[in-house]
Amino acid sequence: MEVRADVDMNIPYSIVQKSLLENLGLQYESCQEPNFTDKKGRTHIPVGHVNLQWHKASSLLENTETFYVVDSGNPIVELKHGGDQATDHEQQESQAQKKAKVEKERAEEKKRQEERDREKQQGK
């Protein structure tokens, strides 16, 4: 499911609306964190937190991050950073694994294409 998010580097946490998690059937852990205000002056009251994976539409780099759950808000997802670089070792490792998988798939496709070309040449 694609969900658009705003970036607000002034907030202490990335946030997600409780209603989105409910619509997706995702659970979250309750917590009590202090209220905070975003760049547009909206006050957010965290009621829980959940670990989610996300990525930019223009990138394969996945970010795993703790999002604080809020009862309301607009947008429904707000990131405390733009995810321009991996924030920890696990994310870098995950990206390396994905890159290796893509390279393997490309090599296998190249091999299949070479086999098709050879068969085509033999058929002439």
PDB file of N, CA and C in Angstrom:
ATOM      1  N   MET A   1       0.839  -1.177   0.000  1.00  0.00           N
ATOM      2  CA  MET A   1       0.000   0.000   0.000  1.00  0.00           C
ATOM      3  C   MET A   1       0.884   1.240   0.000  1.00  0.00           C
ATOM      4  N   GLU A   2       0.589   2.161  -0.858  1.00  0.00           N
ATOM      5  CA  GLU A   2       1.358   3.398  -0.927  1.00  0.00           C
ATOM      6  C   GLU A   2       0.687   4.460  -0.075  1.00  0.00           C
ATOM      7  N   VAL A   3       1.484   5.080   0.796  1.00  0.00           N
ATOM      8  CA  VAL A   3       0.996   6.153   1.652  1.00  0.00           C
ATOM      9  C   VAL A   3       1.972   7.308   1.531  1.00  0.00           C
ATOM     10  N   ARG A   4       1.474   8.464   1.252  1.00  0.00           N
ATOM     11  CA  ARG A   4       2.327   9.646   1.160  1.00  0.00           C
ATOM     12  C   ARG A   4       2.614  10.177   2.562  1.00  0.00           C
ATOM     13  N   ALA A   5       3.794  10.750   2.720  1.00  0.00           N
ATOM     14  CA  ALA A   5       4.205  11.279   4.019  1.00  0.00           C
ATOM     15  C   ALA A   5       4.805  12.664   3.856  1.00  0.00           C
ATOM     16  N   ASP A   6       4.645  13.482   4.864  1.00  0.00           N
ATOM     17  CA  ASP A   6       5.317  14.775   4.929  1.00  0.00           C
ATOM     18  C   ASP A   6       6.581  14.614   5.745  1.00  0.00           C
ATOM     19  N   VAL A   7       7.556  15.478   5.498  1.00  0.00           N
ATOM     20  CA  VAL A   7       8.784  15.483   6.281  1.00  0.00           C
ATOM     21  C   VAL A   7       8.784  16.749   7.123  1.00  0.00           C
ATOM     22  N   ASP A   8       9.028  16.582   8.423  1.00  0.00           N
ATOM     23  CA  ASP A   8       9.131  17.702   9.354  1.00  0.00           C
ATOM     24  C   ASP A   8      10.316  17.419  10.259  1.00  0.00           C
ATOM     25  N   MET A   9      11.442  18.041   9.953  1.00  0.00           N
ATOM     26  CA  MET A   9      12.663  17.757  10.704  1.00  0.00           C
ATOM     27  C   MET A   9      12.670  18.438  12.067  1.00  0.00           C
ATOM     28  N   ASN A  10      11.604  19.145  12.419  1.00  0.00           N
ATOM     29  CA  ASN A  10      11.508  19.804  13.716  1.00  0.00           C
ATOM     30  C   ASN A  10      10.822  18.943  14.768  1.00  0.00           C
ATOM     31  N   ILE A  11      10.172  17.849  14.350  1.00  0.00           N
ATOM     32  CA  ILE A  11       9.491  17.000  15.323  1.00  0.00           C
ATOM     33  C   ILE A  11      10.470  15.966  15.881  1.00  0.00           C
ATOM     34  N   PRO A  12      10.260  15.543  17.140  1.00  0.00           N
ATOM     35  CA  PRO A  12      11.194  14.590  17.751  1.00  0.00           C
ATOM     36  C   PRO A  12      10.996  13.152  17.295  1.00  0.00           C
ATOM     37  N   TYR A  13       9.827  12.844  16.733  1.00  0.00           N
ATOM     38  CA  TYR A  13       9.508  11.479  16.329  1.00  0.00           C
ATOM     39  C   TYR A  13       8.810  11.492  14.970  1.00  0.00           C
ATOM     40  N   SER A  14       8.946  10.400  14.250  1.00  0.00           N
ATOM     41  CA  SER A  14       8.083  10.191  13.090  1.00  0.00           C
ATOM     42  C   SER A  14       6.751   9.704  13.640  1.00  0.00           C
ATOM     43  N   ILE A  15       5.667  10.133  13.013  1.00  0.00           N
ATOM     44  CA  ILE A  15       4.349   9.784  13.541  1.00  0.00           C
ATOM     45  C   ILE A  15       3.476   9.155  12.464  1.00  0.00           C
ATOM     46  N   VAL A  16       2.511   8.368  12.925  1.00  0.00           N
ATOM     47  CA  VAL A  16       1.538   7.736  12.046  1.00  0.00           C
ATOM     48  C   VAL A  16       0.179   7.807  12.745  1.00  0.00           C
ATOM     49  N   GLN A  17      -0.855   8.043  11.983  1.00  0.00           N
ATOM     50  CA  GLN A  17      -2.201   8.092  12.547  1.00  0.00           C
ATOM     51  C   GLN A  17      -2.656   6.706  12.976  1.00  0.00           C
ATOM     52  N   LYS A  18      -3.284   6.662  14.119  1.00  0.00           N
ATOM     53  CA  LYS A  18      -3.843   5.430  14.659  1.00  0.00           C
ATOM     54  C   LYS A  18      -4.829   4.801  13.668  1.00  0.00           C
ATOM     55  N   SER A  19      -5.628   5.625  12.993  1.00  0.00           N
ATOM     56  CA  SER A  19      -6.635   5.106  12.051  1.00  0.00           C
ATOM     57  C   SER A  19      -5.991   4.351  10.891  1.00  0.00           C
ATOM     58  N   LEU A  20      -4.805   4.797  10.425  1.00  0.00           N
ATOM     59  CA  LEU A  20      -4.119   4.086   9.343  1.00  0.00           C
ATOM     60  C   LEU A  20      -3.709   2.697   9.818  1.00  0.00           C
ATOM     61  N   LEU A  21      -3.137   2.605  11.004  1.00  0.00           N
ATOM     62  CA  LEU A  21      -2.737   1.292  11.533  1.00  0.00           C
ATOM     63  C   LEU A  21      -3.954   0.380  11.676  1.00  0.00           C
ATOM     64  N   GLU A  22      -5.061   0.931  12.150  1.00  0.00           N
ATOM     65  CA  GLU A  22      -6.281   0.130  12.297  1.00  0.00           C
ATOM     66  C   GLU A  22      -6.772  -0.357  10.944  1.00  0.00           C
ATOM     67  N   ASN A  23      -6.741   0.518   9.930  1.00  0.00           N
ATOM     68  CA  ASN A  23      -7.166   0.114   8.584  1.00  0.00           C
ATOM     69  C   ASN A  23      -6.281  -0.976   8.009  1.00  0.00           C
ATOM     70  N   LEU A  24      -4.993  -0.960   8.366  1.00  0.00           N
ATOM     71  CA  LEU A  24      -4.054  -1.965   7.876  1.00  0.00           C
ATOM     72  C   LEU A  24      -4.027  -3.215   8.760  1.00  0.00           C
ATOM     73  N   GLY A  25      -4.727  -3.172   9.880  1.00  0.00           N
ATOM     74  CA  GLY A  25      -4.747  -4.314  10.798  1.00  0.00           C
ATOM     75  C   GLY A  25      -3.444  -4.476  11.565  1.00  0.00           C
ATOM     76  N   LEU A  26      -2.712  -3.384  11.765  1.00  0.00           N
ATOM     77  CA  LEU A  26      -1.440  -3.440  12.473  1.00  0.00           C
ATOM     78  C   LEU A  26      -1.617  -3.066  13.943  1.00  0.00           C
ATOM     79  N   GLN A  27      -0.915  -3.773  14.799  1.00  0.00           N
ATOM     80  CA  GLN A  27      -0.949  -3.518  16.234  1.00  0.00           C
ATOM     81  C   GLN A  27       0.170  -2.541  16.609  1.00  0.00           C
ATOM     82  N   TYR A  28       0.033  -1.899  17.738  1.00  0.00           N
ATOM     83  CA  TYR A  28       1.067  -1.027  18.264  1.00  0.00           C
ATOM     84  C   TYR A  28       1.114  -1.179  19.771  1.00  0.00           C
ATOM     85  N   GLU A  29       2.232  -0.806  20.354  1.00  0.00           N
ATOM     86  CA  GLU A  29       2.399  -0.857  21.799  1.00  0.00           C
ATOM     87  C   GLU A  29       2.043   0.489  22.396  1.00  0.00           C
ATOM     88  N   SER A  30       1.295   0.466  23.494  1.00  0.00           N
ATOM     89  CA  SER A  30       0.932   1.706  24.168  1.00  0.00           C
ATOM     90  C   SER A  30       2.173   2.333  24.794  1.00  0.00           C
ATOM     91  N   CYS A  31       2.164   3.643  24.885  1.00  0.00           N
ATOM     92  CA  CYS A  31       3.259   4.355  25.536  1.00  0.00           C
ATOM     93  C   CYS A  31       2.765   5.718  25.986  1.00  0.00           C
ATOM     94  N   GLN A  32       3.538   6.351  26.815  1.00  0.00           N
ATOM     95  CA  GLN A  32       3.235   7.704  27.262  1.00  0.00           C
ATOM     96  C   GLN A  32       4.456   8.566  26.991  1.00  0.00           C
ATOM     97  N   GLU A  33       4.395   9.313  25.936  1.00  0.00           N
ATOM     98  CA  GLU A  33       5.450  10.246  25.564  1.00  0.00           C
ATOM     99  C   GLU A  33       4.883  11.648  25.682  1.00  0.00           C
ATOM    100  N   PRO A  34       5.747  12.635  25.875  1.00  0.00           N
ATOM    101  CA  PRO A  34       5.244  14.009  25.973  1.00  0.00           C
ATOM    102  C   PRO A  34       4.643  14.486  24.647  1.00  0.00           C
ATOM    103  N   ASN A  35       3.673  15.367  24.756  1.00  0.00           N
ATOM    104  CA  ASN A  35       3.088  15.991  23.563  1.00  0.00           C
ATOM    105  C   ASN A  35       4.157  16.823  22.871  1.00  0.00           C
ATOM    106  N   PHE A  36       3.998  17.026  21.566  1.00  0.00           N
ATOM    107  CA  PHE A  36       4.927  17.878  20.827  1.00  0.00           C
ATOM    108  C   PHE A  36       4.178  18.572  19.705  1.00  0.00           C
ATOM    109  N   THR A  37       4.778  19.624  19.181  1.00  0.00           N
ATOM    110  CA  THR A  37       4.154  20.440  18.143  1.00  0.00           C
ATOM    111  C   THR A  37       4.976  20.348  16.875  1.00  0.00           C
ATOM    112  N   ASP A  38       4.293  20.219  15.729  1.00  0.00           N
ATOM    113  CA  ASP A  38       5.004  20.145  14.448  1.00  0.00           C
ATOM    114  C   ASP A  38       5.228  21.539  13.880  1.00  0.00           C
ATOM    115  N   LYS A  39       5.838  21.596  12.689  1.00  0.00           N
ATOM    116  CA  LYS A  39       6.206  22.877  12.076  1.00  0.00           C
ATOM    117  C   LYS A  39       4.995  23.747  11.735  1.00  0.00           C
ATOM    118  N   LYS A  40       3.824  23.124  11.633  1.00  0.00           N
ATOM    119  CA  LYS A  40       2.617  23.891  11.317  1.00  0.00           C
ATOM    120  C   LYS A  40       1.830  24.281  12.566  1.00  0.00           C
ATOM    121  N   GLY A  41       2.404  24.002  13.735  1.00  0.00           N
ATOM    122  CA  GLY A  41       1.756  24.393  14.979  1.00  0.00           C
ATOM    123  C   GLY A  41       0.744  23.396  15.515  1.00  0.00           C
ATOM    124  N   ARG A  42       0.651  22.226  14.898  1.00  0.00           N
ATOM    125  CA  ARG A  42      -0.286  21.209  15.369  1.00  0.00           C
ATOM    126  C   ARG A  42       0.333  20.439  16.528  1.00  0.00           C
ATOM    127  N   THR A  43      -0.458  20.234  17.582  1.00  0.00           N
ATOM    128  CA  THR A  43       0.009  19.475  18.743  1.00  0.00           C
ATOM    129  C   THR A  43      -0.351  18.009  18.551  1.00  0.00           C
ATOM    130  N   HIS A  44       0.618  17.139  18.808  1.00  0.00           N
ATOM    131  CA  HIS A  44       0.416  15.696  18.686  1.00  0.00           C
ATOM    132  C   HIS A  44       0.579  15.052  20.053  1.00  0.00           C
ATOM    133  N   ILE A  45      -0.308  14.095  20.338  1.00  0.00           N
ATOM    134  CA  ILE A  45      -0.287  13.383  21.615  1.00  0.00           C
ATOM    135  C   ILE A  45      -0.034  11.905  21.322  1.00  0.00           C
ATOM    136  N   PRO A  46       1.193  11.419  21.511  1.00  0.00           N
ATOM    137  CA  PRO A  46       1.478  10.009  21.235  1.00  0.00           C
ATOM    138  C   PRO A  46       0.719   9.078  22.188  1.00  0.00           C
ATOM    139  N   VAL A  47       0.107   8.030  21.609  1.00  0.00           N
ATOM    140  CA  VAL A  47      -0.612   7.039  22.410  1.00  0.00           C
ATOM    141  C   VAL A  47       0.060   5.669  22.330  1.00  0.00           C
ATOM    142  N   GLY A  48       1.051   5.536  21.451  1.00  0.00           N
ATOM    143  CA  GLY A  48       1.733   4.258  21.283  1.00  0.00           C
ATOM    144  C   GLY A  48       2.872   4.393  20.302  1.00  0.00           C
ATOM    145  N   HIS A  49       3.538   3.265  20.040  1.00  0.00           N
ATOM    146  CA  HIS A  49       4.609   3.267  19.047  1.00  0.00           C
ATOM    147  C   HIS A  49       4.624   1.929  18.317  1.00  0.00           C
ATOM    148  N   VAL A  50       5.173   1.964  17.088  1.00  0.00           N
ATOM    149  CA  VAL A  50       5.218   0.783  16.239  1.00  0.00           C
ATOM    150  C   VAL A  50       6.438   0.903  15.331  1.00  0.00           C
ATOM    151  N   ASN A  51       7.081  -0.201  15.047  1.00  0.00           N
ATOM    152  CA  ASN A  51       8.195  -0.207  14.097  1.00  0.00           C
ATOM    153  C   ASN A  51       7.632  -0.474  12.704  1.00  0.00           C
ATOM    154  N   LEU A  52       7.955   0.403  11.771  1.00  0.00           N
ATOM    155  CA  LEU A  52       7.479   0.280  10.397  1.00  0.00           C
ATOM    156  C   LEU A  52       8.646   0.412   9.431  1.00  0.00           C
ATOM    157  N   GLN A  53       8.500  -0.183   8.261  1.00  0.00           N
ATOM    158  CA  GLN A  53       9.470  -0.015   7.186  1.00  0.00           C
ATOM    159  C   GLN A  53       8.872   0.908   6.144  1.00  0.00           C
ATOM    160  N   TRP A  54       9.703   1.807   5.617  1.00  0.00           N
ATOM    161  CA  TRP A  54       9.235   2.726   4.597  1.00  0.00           C
ATOM    162  C   TRP A  54      10.380   3.029   3.656  1.00  0.00           C
ATOM    163  N   HIS A  55      10.043   3.554   2.479  1.00  0.00           N
ATOM    164  CA  HIS A  55      11.059   3.977   1.525  1.00  0.00           C
ATOM    165  C   HIS A  55      10.518   5.101   0.682  1.00  0.00           C
ATOM    166  N   LYS A  56      11.427   5.869   0.127  1.00  0.00           N
ATOM    167  CA  LYS A  56      11.028   6.907  -0.815  1.00  0.00           C
ATOM    168  C   LYS A  56      10.544   6.243  -2.093  1.00  0.00           C
ATOM    169  N   ALA A  57       9.652   6.913  -2.778  1.00  0.00           N
ATOM    170  CA  ALA A  57       9.151   6.373  -4.042  1.00  0.00           C
ATOM    171  C   ALA A  57      10.277   6.221  -5.060  1.00  0.00           C
ATOM    172  N   SER A  58      11.314   7.040  -4.947  1.00  0.00           N
ATOM    173  CA  SER A  58      12.404   7.036  -5.919  1.00  0.00           C
ATOM    174  C   SER A  58      13.593   6.184  -5.485  1.00  0.00           C
ATOM    175  N   SER A  59      13.440   5.362  -4.437  1.00  0.00           N
ATOM    176  CA  SER A  59      14.584   4.622  -3.910  1.00  0.00           C
ATOM    177  C   SER A  59      14.176   3.235  -3.446  1.00  0.00           C
ATOM    178  N   LEU A  60      15.117   2.299  -3.533  1.00  0.00           N
ATOM    179  CA  LEU A  60      14.902   0.959  -2.992  1.00  0.00           C
ATOM    180  C   LEU A  60      15.332   0.865  -1.535  1.00  0.00           C
ATOM    181  N   LEU A  61      16.030   1.874  -1.037  1.00  0.00           N
ATOM    182  CA  LEU A  61      16.532   1.857   0.330  1.00  0.00           C
ATOM    183  C   LEU A  61      15.368   1.876   1.308  1.00  0.00           C
ATOM    184  N   GLU A  62      15.239   0.801   2.080  1.00  0.00           N
ATOM    185  CA  GLU A  62      14.189   0.735   3.088  1.00  0.00           C
ATOM    186  C   GLU A  62      14.714   1.255   4.403  1.00  0.00           C
ATOM    187  N   ASN A  63      13.878   1.998   5.081  1.00  0.00           N
ATOM    188  CA  ASN A  63      14.191   2.516   6.394  1.00  0.00           C
ATOM    189  C   ASN A  63      13.285   1.835   7.396  1.00  0.00           C
ATOM    190  N   THR A  64      13.855   1.292   8.466  1.00  0.00           N
ATOM    191  CA  THR A  64      13.073   0.746   9.559  1.00  0.00           C
ATOM    192  C   THR A  64      13.124   1.780  10.665  1.00  0.00           C
ATOM    193  N   GLU A  65      11.963   2.143  11.146  1.00  0.00           N
ATOM    194  CA  GLU A  65      11.917   3.258  12.082  1.00  0.00           C
ATOM    195  C   GLU A  65      10.767   3.067  13.066  1.00  0.00           C
ATOM    196  N   THR A  66      10.955   3.588  14.265  1.00  0.00           N
ATOM    197  CA  THR A  66       9.881   3.610  15.240  1.00  0.00           C
ATOM    198  C   THR A  66       9.027   4.836  14.981  1.00  0.00           C
ATOM    199  N   PHE A  67       7.747   4.600  14.764  1.00  0.00           N
ATOM    200  CA  PHE A  67       6.773   5.672  14.581  1.00  0.00           C
ATOM    201  C   PHE A  67       5.935   5.766  15.847  1.00  0.00           C
ATOM    202  N   TYR A  68       5.653   6.988  16.260  1.00  0.00           N
ATOM    203  CA  TYR A  68       4.753   7.180  17.380  1.00  0.00           C
ATOM    204  C   TYR A  68       3.344   7.342  16.833  1.00  0.00           C
ATOM    205  N   VAL A  69       2.412   6.678  17.484  1.00  0.00           N
ATOM    206  CA  VAL A  69       1.027   6.625  17.044  1.00  0.00           C
ATOM    207  C   VAL A  69       0.276   7.800  17.673  1.00  0.00           C
ATOM    208  N   VAL A  70      -0.438   8.537  16.828  1.00  0.00           N
ATOM    209  CA  VAL A  70      -1.243   9.661  17.307  1.00  0.00           C
ATOM    210  C   VAL A  70      -2.693   9.448  16.873  1.00  0.00           C
ATOM    211  N   ASP A  71      -3.621   9.992  17.674  1.00  0.00           N
ATOM    212  CA  ASP A  71      -5.044   9.795  17.386  1.00  0.00           C
ATOM    213  C   ASP A  71      -5.514  10.533  16.145  1.00  0.00           C
ATOM    214  N   SER A  72      -4.935  11.678  15.875  1.00  0.00           N
ATOM    215  CA  SER A  72      -5.392  12.445  14.726  1.00  0.00           C
ATOM    216  C   SER A  72      -4.206  13.151  14.105  1.00  0.00           C
ATOM    217  N   GLY A  73      -4.448  13.718  12.975  1.00  0.00           N
ATOM    218  CA  GLY A  73      -3.391  14.459  12.319  1.00  0.00           C
ATOM    219  C   GLY A  73      -3.608  14.509  10.833  1.00  0.00           C
ATOM    220  N   ASN A  74      -2.955  15.440  10.238  1.00  0.00           N
ATOM    221  CA  ASN A  74      -2.970  15.575   8.794  1.00  0.00           C
ATOM    222  C   ASN A  74      -1.610  16.119   8.424  1.00  0.00           C
ATOM    223  N   PRO A  75      -0.798  15.401   7.735  1.00  0.00           N
ATOM    224  CA  PRO A  75      -1.012  14.142   7.020  1.00  0.00           C
ATOM    225  C   PRO A  75      -1.086  12.950   7.968  1.00  0.00           C
ATOM    226  N   ILE A  76      -1.405  11.786   7.393  1.00  0.00           N
ATOM    227  CA  ILE A  76      -1.537  10.602   8.234  1.00  0.00           C
ATOM    228  C   ILE A  76      -0.189  10.009   8.617  1.00  0.00           C
ATOM    229  N   VAL A  77       0.875  10.400   7.901  1.00  0.00           N
ATOM    230  CA  VAL A  77       2.234   9.985   8.250  1.00  0.00           C
ATOM    231  C   VAL A  77       3.118  11.211   8.139  1.00  0.00           C
ATOM    232  N   GLU A  78       3.952  11.406   9.155  1.00  0.00           N
ATOM    233  CA  GLU A  78       4.876  12.525   9.140  1.00  0.00           C
ATOM    234  C   GLU A  78       6.235  12.007   9.603  1.00  0.00           C
ATOM    235  N   LEU A  79       7.258  12.237   8.784  1.00  0.00           N
ATOM    236  CA  LEU A  79       8.599  11.740   9.073  1.00  0.00           C
ATOM    237  C   LEU A  79       9.446  12.829   9.688  1.00  0.00           C
ATOM    238  N   LYS A  80      10.299  12.430  10.639  1.00  0.00           N
ATOM    239  CA  LYS A  80      11.181  13.428  11.245  1.00  0.00           C
ATOM    240  C   LYS A  80      12.413  13.677  10.386  1.00  0.00           C
ATOM    241  N   HIS A  81      12.624  12.869   9.339  1.00  0.00           N
ATOM    242  CA  HIS A  81      13.729  13.073   8.397  1.00  0.00           C
ATOM    243  C   HIS A  81      13.330  12.503   7.055  1.00  0.00           C
ATOM    244  N   GLY A  82      14.094  12.844   6.029  1.00  0.00           N
ATOM    245  CA  GLY A  82      13.733  12.438   4.680  1.00  0.00           C
ATOM    246  C   GLY A  82      14.257  11.097   4.244  1.00  0.00           C
ATOM    247  N   GLY A  83      14.976  10.381   5.098  1.00  0.00           N
ATOM    248  CA  GLY A  83      15.465   9.058   4.740  1.00  0.00           C
ATOM    249  C   GLY A  83      16.498   9.061   3.643  1.00  0.00           C
ATOM    250  N   ASP A  84      17.315  10.105   3.587  1.00  0.00           N
ATOM    251  CA  ASP A  84      18.299  10.204   2.522  1.00  0.00           C
ATOM    252  C   ASP A  84      19.455   9.236   2.673  1.00  0.00           C
ATOM    253  N   GLN A  85      19.662   8.749   3.876  1.00  0.00           N
ATOM    254  CA  GLN A  85      20.739   7.784   4.069  1.00  0.00           C
ATOM    255  C   GLN A  85      20.328   6.792   5.137  1.00  0.00           C
ATOM    256  N   ALA A  86      20.939   5.619   5.109  1.00  0.00           N
ATOM    257  CA  ALA A  86      20.639   4.603   6.108  1.00  0.00           C
ATOM    258  C   ALA A  86      21.003   5.145   7.486  1.00  0.00           C
ATOM    259  N   THR A  87      20.143   4.898   8.464  1.00  0.00           N
ATOM    260  CA  THR A  87      20.371   5.454   9.782  1.00  0.00           C
ATOM    261  C   THR A  87      21.051   4.483  10.729  1.00  0.00           C
ATOM    262  N   ASP A  88      21.194   3.230  10.343  1.00  0.00           N
ATOM    263  CA  ASP A  88      21.916   2.300  11.206  1.00  0.00           C
ATOM    264  C   ASP A  88      22.446   1.126  10.385  1.00  0.00           C
ATOM    265  N   HIS A  89      23.226   0.309  11.058  1.00  0.00           N
ATOM    266  CA  HIS A  89      23.893  -0.818  10.408  1.00  0.00           C
ATOM    267  C   HIS A  89      22.897  -1.780   9.773  1.00  0.00           C
ATOM    268  N   GLU A  90      21.781  -2.066  10.442  1.00  0.00           N
ATOM    269  CA  GLU A  90      20.797  -3.006   9.904  1.00  0.00           C
ATOM    270  C   GLU A  90      20.234  -2.534   8.576  1.00  0.00           C
ATOM    271  N   GLN A  91      19.977  -1.248   8.449  1.00  0.00           N
ATOM    272  CA  GLN A  91      19.437  -0.726   7.203  1.00  0.00           C
ATOM    273  C   GLN A  91      20.466  -0.843   6.086  1.00  0.00           C
ATOM    274  N   GLN A  92      21.729  -0.580   6.398  1.00  0.00           N
ATOM    275  CA  GLN A  92      22.779  -0.702   5.391  1.00  0.00           C
ATOM    276  C   GLN A  92      22.914  -2.155   4.955  1.00  0.00           C
ATOM    277  N   GLU A  93      22.819  -3.066   5.907  1.00  0.00           N
ATOM    278  CA  GLU A  93      22.907  -4.494   5.603  1.00  0.00           C
ATOM    279  C   GLU A  93      21.726  -4.932   4.738  1.00  0.00           C
ATOM    280  N   SER A  94      20.546  -4.470   5.071  1.00  0.00           N
ATOM    281  CA  SER A  94      19.347  -4.798   4.298  1.00  0.00           C
ATOM    282  C   SER A  94      19.481  -4.297   2.869  1.00  0.00           C
ATOM    283  N   GLN A  95      19.982  -3.093   2.702  1.00  0.00           N
ATOM    284  CA  GLN A  95      20.155  -2.529   1.365  1.00  0.00           C
ATOM    285  C   GLN A  95      21.173  -3.341   0.571  1.00  0.00           C
ATOM    286  N   ALA A  96      22.260  -3.768   1.220  1.00  0.00           N
ATOM    287  CA  ALA A  96      23.273  -4.572   0.536  1.00  0.00           C
ATOM    288  C   ALA A  96      22.679  -5.901   0.077  1.00  0.00           C
ATOM    289  N   GLN A  97      21.825  -6.500   0.899  1.00  0.00           N
ATOM    290  CA  GLN A  97      21.172  -7.753   0.533  1.00  0.00           C
ATOM    291  C   GLN A  97      20.244  -7.556  -0.661  1.00  0.00           C
ATOM    292  N   LYS A  98      19.504  -6.471  -0.667  1.00  0.00           N
ATOM    293  CA  LYS A  98      18.603  -6.193  -1.792  1.00  0.00           C
ATOM    294  C   LYS A  98      19.394  -5.949  -3.067  1.00  0.00           C
ATOM    295  N   LYS A  99      20.486  -5.230  -2.955  1.00  0.00           N
ATOM    296  CA  LYS A  99      21.312  -4.946  -4.116  1.00  0.00           C
ATOM    297  C   LYS A  99      21.873  -6.253  -4.679  1.00  0.00           C
ATOM    298  N   ALA A 100      22.349  -7.127  -3.800  1.00  0.00           N
ATOM    299  CA  ALA A 100      22.889  -8.411  -4.241  1.00  0.00           C
ATOM    300  C   ALA A 100      21.807  -9.244  -4.931  1.00  0.00           C
ATOM    301  N   LYS A 101      20.592  -9.200  -4.410  1.00  0.00           N
ATOM    302  CA  LYS A 101      19.476  -9.944  -5.010  1.00  0.00           C
ATOM    303  C   LYS A 101      19.181  -9.418  -6.413  1.00  0.00           C
ATOM    304  N   VAL A 102      19.140  -8.102  -6.558  1.00  0.00           N
ATOM    305  CA  VAL A 102      18.868  -7.494  -7.871  1.00  0.00           C
ATOM    306  C   VAL A 102      19.970  -7.864  -8.857  1.00  0.00           C
ATOM    307  N   GLU A 103      21.230  -7.799  -8.413  1.00  0.00           N
ATOM    308  CA  GLU A 103      22.349  -8.139  -9.289  1.00  0.00           C
ATOM    309  C   GLU A 103      22.278  -9.610  -9.704  1.00  0.00           C
ATOM    310  N   LYS A 104      21.904 -10.481  -8.781  1.00  0.00           N
ATOM    311  CA  LYS A 104      21.777 -11.909  -9.095  1.00  0.00           C
ATOM    312  C   LYS A 104      20.671 -12.124 -10.126  1.00  0.00           C
ATOM    313  N   GLU A 105      19.535 -11.454  -9.932  1.00  0.00           N
ATOM    314  CA  GLU A 105      18.425 -11.591 -10.873  1.00  0.00           C
ATOM    315  C   GLU A 105      18.821 -11.092 -12.262  1.00  0.00           C
ATOM    316  N   ARG A 106      19.563  -9.990 -12.305  1.00  0.00           N
ATOM    317  CA  ARG A 106      20.014  -9.461 -13.598  1.00  0.00           C
ATOM    318  C   ARG A 106      20.964 -10.442 -14.279  1.00  0.00           C
ATOM    319  N   ALA A 107      21.881 -11.035 -13.505  1.00  0.00           N
ATOM    320  CA  ALA A 107      22.827 -11.998 -14.076  1.00  0.00           C
ATOM    321  C   ALA A 107      22.090 -13.223 -14.601  1.00  0.00           C
ATOM    322  N   GLU A 108      21.077 -13.692 -13.855  1.00  0.00           N
ATOM    323  CA  GLU A 108      20.305 -14.847 -14.303  1.00  0.00           C
ATOM    324  C   GLU A 108      19.540 -14.520 -15.580  1.00  0.00           C
ATOM    325  N   GLU A 109      18.964 -13.326 -15.653  1.00  0.00           N
ATOM    326  CA  GLU A 109      18.234 -12.923 -16.858  1.00  0.00           C
ATOM    327  C   GLU A 109      19.192 -12.809 -18.042  1.00  0.00           C
ATOM    328  N   LYS A 110      20.385 -12.272 -17.800  1.00  0.00           N
ATOM    329  CA  LYS A 110      21.381 -12.159 -18.873  1.00  0.00           C
ATOM    330  C   LYS A 110      21.753 -13.552 -19.383  1.00  0.00           C
ATOM    331  N   LYS A 111      21.914 -14.488 -18.458  1.00  0.00           N
ATOM    332  CA  LYS A 111      22.255 -15.859 -18.843  1.00  0.00           C
ATOM    333  C   LYS A 111      21.126 -16.483 -19.658  1.00  0.00           C
ATOM    334  N   ARG A 112      19.878 -16.279 -19.247  1.00  0.00           N
ATOM    335  CA  ARG A 112      18.738 -16.809 -19.994  1.00  0.00           C
ATOM    336  C   ARG A 112      18.684 -16.198 -21.397  1.00  0.00           C
ATOM    337  N   GLN A 113      18.966 -14.912 -21.489  1.00  0.00           N
ATOM    338  CA  GLN A 113      18.943 -14.247 -22.793  1.00  0.00           C
ATOM    339  C   GLN A 113      20.047 -14.799 -23.694  1.00  0.00           C
ATOM    340  N   GLU A 114      21.240 -15.027 -23.130  1.00  0.00           N
ATOM    341  CA  GLU A 114      22.336 -15.596 -23.915  1.00  0.00           C
ATOM    342  C   GLU A 114      21.969 -16.992 -24.415  1.00  0.00           C
ATOM    343  N   GLU A 115      21.296 -17.784 -23.575  1.00  0.00           N
ATOM    344  CA  GLU A 115      20.868 -19.117 -23.985  1.00  0.00           C
ATOM    345  C   GLU A 115      19.846 -19.030 -25.119  1.00  0.00           C
ATOM    346  N   ARG A 116      18.906 -18.101 -25.008  1.00  0.00           N
ATOM    347  CA  ARG A 116      17.920 -17.913 -26.081  1.00  0.00           C
ATOM    348  C   ARG A 116      18.611 -17.496 -27.377  1.00  0.00           C
ATOM    349  N   ASP A 117      19.596 -16.610 -27.269  1.00  0.00           N
ATOM    350  CA  ASP A 117      20.330 -16.154 -28.460  1.00  0.00           C
ATOM    351  C   ASP A 117      21.076 -17.314 -29.094  1.00  0.00           C
ATOM    352  N   ARG A 118      21.712 -18.167 -28.269  1.00  0.00           N
ATOM    353  CA  ARG A 118      22.442 -19.344 -28.789  1.00  0.00           C
ATOM    354  C   ARG A 118      21.482 -20.294 -29.497  1.00  0.00           C
ATOM    355  N   GLU A 119      20.339 -20.541 -28.890  1.00  0.00           N
ATOM    356  CA  GLU A 119      19.343 -21.430 -29.498  1.00  0.00           C
ATOM    357  C   GLU A 119      18.856 -20.855 -30.812  1.00  0.00           C
ATOM    358  N   LYS A 120      18.687 -19.561 -30.839  1.00  0.00           N
ATOM    359  CA  LYS A 120      18.242 -18.880 -32.070  1.00  0.00           C
ATOM    360  C   LYS A 120      19.299 -19.029 -33.151  1.00  0.00           C
ATOM    361  N   GLN A 121      20.576 -18.860 -32.811  1.00  0.00           N
ATOM    362  CA  GLN A 121      21.675 -18.998 -33.768  1.00  0.00           C
ATOM    363  C   GLN A 121      21.761 -20.431 -34.288  1.00  0.00           C
ATOM    364  N   GLN A 122      21.575 -21.410 -33.407  1.00  0.00           N
ATOM    365  CA  GLN A 122      21.647 -22.818 -33.814  1.00  0.00           C
ATOM    366  C   GLN A 122      20.490 -23.171 -34.733  1.00  0.00           C
ATOM    367  N   GLY A 123      19.357 -22.524 -34.566  1.00  0.00           N
ATOM    368  CA  GLY A 123      18.184 -22.811 -35.381  1.00  0.00           C
ATOM    369  C   GLY A 123      18.293 -22.289 -36.797  1.00  0.00           C
ATOM    370  N   LYS A 124      19.225 -21.378 -37.070  1.00  0.00           N
ATOM    371  CA  LYS A 124      19.362 -20.776 -38.399  1.00  0.00           C
ATOM    372  C   LYS A 124      19.981 -21.715 -39.379  1.00  0.00           C
TER     373      LYS A 124
END
